[in-house]
Amino acid sequence: MNYPLTVSFKLLTLTSQLTVTDASGNTVCYLKRKLSWKEKITIFADSNQTDPLFNIESKKVFAVSPVYTFTDAKTGAELGNVTCNGWKSLWNIDYQIRPSGLDNATLAIDEENPWIKVMDSVLGEIPVIGLATSFLFHPAYLVKRGDAKVLRLVKKPSLFESKFELEKHSELSESEETLALLGLLVMVLAAKNRG
């Protein structure tokens, strides 16, 4: 992938519409999530939604620590999953990414500084002041392999949409890169739902 990637979604829509573009402006993937009781998301190659790439599915409707399974949309092969540690994630984002067939996580997503998220969330709820928070606070999330930082996702200033920039800090295999991106998309959508 041609980094940095830009992850963006509109704020004033009934359904979640998220687009990932590369440094050249080419669409990497697109998703449009409809409201439903069961979490199932299809990720497409572009906004025409004619070429499905991946499926993300959660088996449980309500869970403290949900597990989202990633599958290849064409073959149905399971690629891996991401688990959110729900209780810990109330303070600090904690996602564990596992390739298919492994019990142990190979990648983890956590926050660079949890206090920035707290300030962004609390002040974002105050009328008028809330409009300025997207320009003041920029939460950042790290994808790590052990203690080594491999990717960094940072929220960018924007008014009518949420924008994040994904920077690459270390080499990843193609499968790690795919799982990391899918895990980050789950995390961004969950953060949007929390406000």
C-alpha atoms as a PDB file:
ATOM      1  CA  MET A   1       0.000   0.000   0.000  1.00  0.00           C
ATOM      2  CA  ASN A   2       1.076   3.528  -0.747  1.00  0.00           C
ATOM      3  CA  TYR A   3       1.325   5.252   2.668  1.00  0.00           C
ATOM      4  CA  PRO A   4       0.161   7.411   4.305  1.00  0.00           C
ATOM      5  CA  LEU A   5      -3.438   6.187   4.010  1.00  0.00           C
ATOM      6  CA  THR A   6      -6.395   8.454   4.766  1.00  0.00           C
ATOM      7  CA  VAL A   7      -9.416   7.013   6.558  1.00  0.00           C
ATOM      8  CA  SER A   8     -12.493   9.252   6.399  1.00  0.00           C
ATOM      9  CA  PHE A   9     -16.195   9.031   7.099  1.00  0.00           C
ATOM     10  CA  LYS A  10     -19.066  11.502   7.007  1.00  0.00           C
ATOM     11  CA  LEU A  11     -20.497  12.508  10.372  1.00  0.00           C
ATOM     12  CA  LEU A  12     -24.005  13.527   9.337  1.00  0.00           C
ATOM     13  CA  THR A  13     -25.284  10.281   7.787  1.00  0.00           C
ATOM     14  CA  LEU A  14     -27.651   7.568   9.014  1.00  0.00           C
ATOM     15  CA  THR A  15     -25.305   4.767   7.963  1.00  0.00           C
ATOM     16  CA  SER A  16     -21.556   4.568   8.482  1.00  0.00           C
ATOM     17  CA  GLN A  17     -19.760   5.234   5.204  1.00  0.00           C
ATOM     18  CA  LEU A  18     -16.010   4.930   5.448  1.00  0.00           C
ATOM     19  CA  THR A  19     -13.439   5.369   2.682  1.00  0.00           C
ATOM     20  CA  VAL A  20      -9.728   4.542   2.767  1.00  0.00           C
ATOM     21  CA  THR A  21      -7.514   6.239   0.179  1.00  0.00           C
ATOM     22  CA  ASP A  22      -3.768   5.981  -0.403  1.00  0.00           C
ATOM     23  CA  ALA A  23      -1.187   8.775  -0.758  1.00  0.00           C
ATOM     24  CA  SER A  24      -2.023   9.112  -4.490  1.00  0.00           C
ATOM     25  CA  GLY A  25      -5.748   9.543  -3.788  1.00  0.00           C
ATOM     26  CA  ASN A  26      -6.683   6.057  -5.034  1.00  0.00           C
ATOM     27  CA  THR A  27      -9.406   4.210  -3.146  1.00  0.00           C
ATOM     28  CA  VAL A  28      -8.034   1.271  -1.147  1.00  0.00           C
ATOM     29  CA  CYS A  29     -11.434   0.199   0.205  1.00  0.00           C
ATOM     30  CA  TYR A  30     -14.941   1.404   1.022  1.00  0.00           C
ATOM     31  CA  LEU A  31     -17.577   0.270   3.472  1.00  0.00           C
ATOM     32  CA  LYS A  32     -21.151   1.226   4.135  1.00  0.00           C
ATOM     33  CA  ARG A  33     -22.602  -0.249   7.293  1.00  0.00           C
ATOM     34  CA  LYS A  34     -26.334  -0.462   7.731  1.00  0.00           C
ATOM     35  CA  LEU A  35     -27.983  -0.429  11.124  1.00  0.00           C
ATOM     36  CA  SER A  36     -28.676  -3.997  12.257  1.00  0.00           C
ATOM     37  CA  TRP A  37     -28.818  -6.126  15.388  1.00  0.00           C
ATOM     38  CA  LYS A  38     -26.017  -8.368  14.199  1.00  0.00           C
ATOM     39  CA  GLU A  39     -22.689  -6.846  13.290  1.00  0.00           C
ATOM     40  CA  LYS A  40     -21.833  -7.818   9.697  1.00  0.00           C
ATOM     41  CA  ILE A  41     -19.869  -5.511   7.446  1.00  0.00           C
ATOM     42  CA  THR A  42     -18.737  -5.978   3.848  1.00  0.00           C
ATOM     43  CA  ILE A  43     -15.719  -4.035   2.639  1.00  0.00           C
ATOM     44  CA  PHE A  44     -15.630  -3.232  -1.071  1.00  0.00           C
ATOM     45  CA  ALA A  45     -12.903  -2.134  -3.485  1.00  0.00           C
ATOM     46  CA  ASP A  46     -14.713   1.175  -4.142  1.00  0.00           C
ATOM     47  CA  SER A  47     -17.933   3.116  -3.531  1.00  0.00           C
ATOM     48  CA  ASN A  48     -19.736   1.348  -6.395  1.00  0.00           C
ATOM     49  CA  GLN A  49     -19.911  -1.679  -4.057  1.00  0.00           C
ATOM     50  CA  THR A  50     -19.567  -4.193  -6.886  1.00  0.00           C
ATOM     51  CA  ASP A  51     -16.269  -5.851  -5.847  1.00  0.00           C
ATOM     52  CA  PRO A  52     -16.412  -7.215  -2.275  1.00  0.00           C
ATOM     53  CA  LEU A  53     -13.009  -7.720  -0.642  1.00  0.00           C
ATOM     54  CA  PHE A  54     -13.583  -8.689   2.990  1.00  0.00           C
ATOM     55  CA  ASN A  55     -16.332  -9.452   5.489  1.00  0.00           C
ATOM     56  CA  ILE A  56     -16.219  -8.504   9.150  1.00  0.00           C
ATOM     57  CA  GLU A  57     -18.637 -10.277  11.456  1.00  0.00           C
ATOM     58  CA  SER A  58     -19.331 -10.412  15.172  1.00  0.00           C
ATOM     59  CA  LYS A  59     -21.181 -13.477  16.437  1.00  0.00           C
ATOM     60  CA  LYS A  60     -22.581 -11.808  19.547  1.00  0.00           C
ATOM     61  CA  VAL A  61     -24.953  -8.848  19.421  1.00  0.00           C
ATOM     62  CA  PHE A  62     -23.960  -7.427  22.803  1.00  0.00           C
ATOM     63  CA  ALA A  63     -20.631  -8.322  24.390  1.00  0.00           C
ATOM     64  CA  VAL A  64     -18.203  -6.650  26.785  1.00  0.00           C
ATOM     65  CA  SER A  65     -15.269  -7.991  24.776  1.00  0.00           C
ATOM     66  CA  PRO A  66     -16.557  -8.527  21.223  1.00  0.00           C
ATOM     67  CA  VAL A  67     -14.649 -10.667  18.729  1.00  0.00           C
ATOM     68  CA  TYR A  68     -14.796  -9.617  15.073  1.00  0.00           C
ATOM     69  CA  THR A  69     -13.867 -12.282  12.511  1.00  0.00           C
ATOM     70  CA  PHE A  70     -12.339 -11.319   9.152  1.00  0.00           C
ATOM     71  CA  THR A  71     -12.995 -13.420   6.043  1.00  0.00           C
ATOM     72  CA  ASP A  72     -12.065 -13.125   2.385  1.00  0.00           C
ATOM     73  CA  ALA A  73     -15.299 -12.137   0.588  1.00  0.00           C
ATOM     74  CA  LYS A  74     -14.463 -14.127  -2.545  1.00  0.00           C
ATOM     75  CA  THR A  75     -13.283 -17.428  -1.032  1.00  0.00           C
ATOM     76  CA  GLY A  76     -14.912 -17.314   2.403  1.00  0.00           C
ATOM     77  CA  ALA A  77     -11.548 -18.210   3.975  1.00  0.00           C
ATOM     78  CA  GLU A  78     -11.096 -16.938   7.520  1.00  0.00           C
ATOM     79  CA  LEU A  79      -8.165 -14.511   7.752  1.00  0.00           C
ATOM     80  CA  GLY A  80      -8.166 -13.822  11.476  1.00  0.00           C
ATOM     81  CA  ASN A  81      -9.951 -11.760  14.096  1.00  0.00           C
ATOM     82  CA  VAL A  82      -9.716  -8.800  16.405  1.00  0.00           C
ATOM     83  CA  THR A  83     -10.821  -8.816  20.040  1.00  0.00           C
ATOM     84  CA  CYS A  84     -11.635  -5.703  22.023  1.00  0.00           C
ATOM     85  CA  ASN A  85     -10.872  -5.900  25.741  1.00  0.00           C
ATOM     86  CA  GLY A  86     -14.069  -4.081  26.727  1.00  0.00           C
ATOM     87  CA  TRP A  87     -13.362  -3.244  30.351  1.00  0.00           C
ATOM     88  CA  LYS A  88      -9.827  -2.027  29.697  1.00  0.00           C
ATOM     89  CA  SER A  89     -10.988  -0.128  26.588  1.00  0.00           C
ATOM     90  CA  LEU A  90     -13.173   2.147  28.713  1.00  0.00           C
ATOM     91  CA  TRP A  91      -9.959   3.967  29.585  1.00  0.00           C
ATOM     92  CA  ASN A  92      -7.416   2.907  26.983  1.00  0.00           C
ATOM     93  CA  ILE A  93      -8.157   1.254  23.616  1.00  0.00           C
ATOM     94  CA  ASP A  94      -7.010  -2.383  23.734  1.00  0.00           C
ATOM     95  CA  TYR A  95      -7.509  -4.530  20.625  1.00  0.00           C
ATOM     96  CA  GLN A  96      -5.715  -7.814  19.972  1.00  0.00           C
ATOM     97  CA  ILE A  97      -5.322  -9.028  16.352  1.00  0.00           C
ATOM     98  CA  ARG A  98      -4.887 -12.759  15.694  1.00  0.00           C
ATOM     99  CA  PRO A  99      -4.248 -14.441  12.348  1.00  0.00           C
ATOM    100  CA  SER A 100      -6.474 -17.439  11.619  1.00  0.00           C
ATOM    101  CA  GLY A 101      -5.322 -20.599  13.390  1.00  0.00           C
ATOM    102  CA  LEU A 102      -3.316 -18.823  16.118  1.00  0.00           C
ATOM    103  CA  ASP A 103      -4.409 -18.469  19.733  1.00  0.00           C
ATOM    104  CA  ASN A 104      -1.996 -15.641  20.511  1.00  0.00           C
ATOM    105  CA  ALA A 105      -2.258 -12.124  19.139  1.00  0.00           C
ATOM    106  CA  THR A 106       0.521 -11.051  16.791  1.00  0.00           C
ATOM    107  CA  LEU A 107      -0.510  -7.376  16.641  1.00  0.00           C
ATOM    108  CA  ALA A 108      -2.126  -5.050  19.183  1.00  0.00           C
ATOM    109  CA  ILE A 109      -3.845  -1.657  18.902  1.00  0.00           C
ATOM    110  CA  ASP A 110      -3.661   0.792  21.776  1.00  0.00           C
ATOM    111  CA  GLU A 111      -3.795   4.527  22.354  1.00  0.00           C
ATOM    112  CA  GLU A 112      -0.726   6.694  22.293  1.00  0.00           C
ATOM    113  CA  ASN A 113      -2.167   9.008  24.993  1.00  0.00           C
ATOM    114  CA  PRO A 114      -5.559   8.146  26.579  1.00  0.00           C
ATOM    115  CA  TRP A 115      -5.942  11.644  28.066  1.00  0.00           C
ATOM    116  CA  ILE A 116      -6.280  13.200  24.602  1.00  0.00           C
ATOM    117  CA  LYS A 117      -9.246  10.907  23.849  1.00  0.00           C
ATOM    118  CA  VAL A 118     -10.848  11.836  27.180  1.00  0.00           C
ATOM    119  CA  MET A 119     -10.516  15.568  26.487  1.00  0.00           C
ATOM    120  CA  ASP A 120     -11.761  15.128  22.906  1.00  0.00           C
ATOM    121  CA  SER A 121     -14.814  13.132  24.100  1.00  0.00           C
ATOM    122  CA  VAL A 122     -15.743  15.318  27.094  1.00  0.00           C
ATOM    123  CA  LEU A 123     -15.301  18.706  25.449  1.00  0.00           C
ATOM    124  CA  GLY A 124     -16.829  17.424  22.202  1.00  0.00           C
ATOM    125  CA  GLU A 125     -20.203  17.154  23.967  1.00  0.00           C
ATOM    126  CA  ILE A 126     -20.305  20.870  24.884  1.00  0.00           C
ATOM    127  CA  PRO A 127     -22.263  23.002  22.374  1.00  0.00           C
ATOM    128  CA  VAL A 128     -20.100  25.373  20.295  1.00  0.00           C
ATOM    129  CA  ILE A 129     -16.897  24.277  22.083  1.00  0.00           C
ATOM    130  CA  GLY A 130     -17.479  20.787  20.702  1.00  0.00           C
ATOM    131  CA  LEU A 131     -17.007  22.123  17.159  1.00  0.00           C
ATOM    132  CA  ALA A 132     -13.478  23.224  18.018  1.00  0.00           C
ATOM    133  CA  THR A 133     -12.339  19.932  19.566  1.00  0.00           C
ATOM    134  CA  SER A 134     -11.608  18.368  16.179  1.00  0.00           C
ATOM    135  CA  PHE A 135      -9.045  21.135  15.672  1.00  0.00           C
ATOM    136  CA  LEU A 136      -7.598  20.980  19.197  1.00  0.00           C
ATOM    137  CA  PHE A 137      -7.269  17.299  20.054  1.00  0.00           C
ATOM    138  CA  HIS A 138      -5.812  14.622  17.827  1.00  0.00           C
ATOM    139  CA  PRO A 139      -6.048  11.150  19.398  1.00  0.00           C
ATOM    140  CA  ALA A 140      -3.482   8.710  18.023  1.00  0.00           C
ATOM    141  CA  TYR A 141      -3.569   4.901  17.989  1.00  0.00           C
ATOM    142  CA  LEU A 142      -0.595   2.582  17.629  1.00  0.00           C
ATOM    143  CA  VAL A 143      -0.453  -0.834  16.015  1.00  0.00           C
ATOM    144  CA  LYS A 144       2.365  -2.781  17.659  1.00  0.00           C
ATOM    145  CA  ARG A 145       4.108  -6.086  17.082  1.00  0.00           C
ATOM    146  CA  GLY A 146       5.340  -6.827  20.589  1.00  0.00           C
ATOM    147  CA  ASP A 147       6.809  -3.503  21.751  1.00  0.00           C
ATOM    148  CA  ALA A 148       7.665  -2.284  18.237  1.00  0.00           C
ATOM    149  CA  LYS A 149       5.402   0.329  16.642  1.00  0.00           C
ATOM    150  CA  VAL A 150       4.473  -0.700  13.080  1.00  0.00           C
ATOM    151  CA  LEU A 151       1.584   1.670  12.239  1.00  0.00           C
ATOM    152  CA  ARG A 152       0.235   4.920  13.717  1.00  0.00           C
ATOM    153  CA  LEU A 153      -3.317   6.207  13.101  1.00  0.00           C
ATOM    154  CA  VAL A 154      -3.885   9.845  14.060  1.00  0.00           C
ATOM    155  CA  LYS A 155      -7.115  11.877  13.940  1.00  0.00           C
ATOM    156  CA  LYS A 156      -6.814  14.930  11.700  1.00  0.00           C
ATOM    157  CA  PRO A 157      -8.613  18.289  11.974  1.00  0.00           C
ATOM    158  CA  SER A 158     -11.923  18.307  10.072  1.00  0.00           C
ATOM    159  CA  LEU A 159     -15.369  19.800  10.556  1.00  0.00           C
ATOM    160  CA  PHE A 160     -18.053  17.765   8.758  1.00  0.00           C
ATOM    161  CA  GLU A 161     -16.281  14.406   8.625  1.00  0.00           C
ATOM    162  CA  SER A 162     -13.837  12.394  10.702  1.00  0.00           C
ATOM    163  CA  LYS A 163     -10.432  11.975   9.104  1.00  0.00           C
ATOM    164  CA  PHE A 164      -7.532   9.852  10.202  1.00  0.00           C
ATOM    165  CA  GLU A 165      -4.077   9.429   8.688  1.00  0.00           C
ATOM    166  CA  LEU A 166      -2.352   6.039   8.833  1.00  0.00           C
ATOM    167  CA  GLU A 167       1.447   6.179   8.845  1.00  0.00           C
ATOM    168  CA  LYS A 168       3.732   3.176   8.379  1.00  0.00           C
ATOM    169  CA  HIS A 169       6.682   2.865  10.797  1.00  0.00           C
ATOM    170  CA  SER A 170       7.906  -0.667  10.146  1.00  0.00           C
ATOM    171  CA  GLU A 171       7.629  -3.370   7.504  1.00  0.00           C
ATOM    172  CA  LEU A 172       4.671  -5.758   7.627  1.00  0.00           C
ATOM    173  CA  SER A 173       3.819  -8.828   5.614  1.00  0.00           C
ATOM    174  CA  GLU A 174       0.826  -8.488   3.276  1.00  0.00           C
ATOM    175  CA  SER A 175      -1.351 -10.564   5.627  1.00  0.00           C
ATOM    176  CA  GLU A 176      -0.295  -8.494   8.675  1.00  0.00           C
ATOM    177  CA  GLU A 177      -1.025  -5.293   6.764  1.00  0.00           C
ATOM    178  CA  THR A 178      -4.521  -6.536   5.830  1.00  0.00           C
ATOM    179  CA  LEU A 179      -5.332  -7.672   9.376  1.00  0.00           C
ATOM    180  CA  ALA A 180      -4.007  -4.419  10.862  1.00  0.00           C
ATOM    181  CA  LEU A 181      -6.126  -2.321   8.488  1.00  0.00           C
ATOM    182  CA  LEU A 182      -9.263  -4.386   9.201  1.00  0.00           C
ATOM    183  CA  GLY A 183      -8.626  -4.149  12.948  1.00  0.00           C
ATOM    184  CA  LEU A 184      -8.203  -0.373  12.725  1.00  0.00           C
ATOM    185  CA  LEU A 185     -11.452  -0.054  10.735  1.00  0.00           C
ATOM    186  CA  VAL A 186     -13.304  -1.976  13.478  1.00  0.00           C
ATOM    187  CA  MET A 187     -11.719   0.285  16.109  1.00  0.00           C
ATOM    188  CA  VAL A 188     -12.613   3.500  14.233  1.00  0.00           C
ATOM    189  CA  LEU A 189     -16.235   2.380  13.737  1.00  0.00           C
ATOM    190  CA  ALA A 190     -16.519   1.419  17.424  1.00  0.00           C
ATOM    191  CA  ALA A 191     -15.099   4.808  18.448  1.00  0.00           C
ATOM    192  CA  LYS A 192     -17.625   6.557  16.173  1.00  0.00           C
ATOM    193  CA  ASN A 193     -20.491   4.634  17.798  1.00  0.00           C
ATOM    194  CA  ARG A 194     -19.279   5.623  21.275  1.00  0.00           C
ATOM    195  CA  GLY A 195     -19.192   9.258  20.158  1.00  0.00           C
END
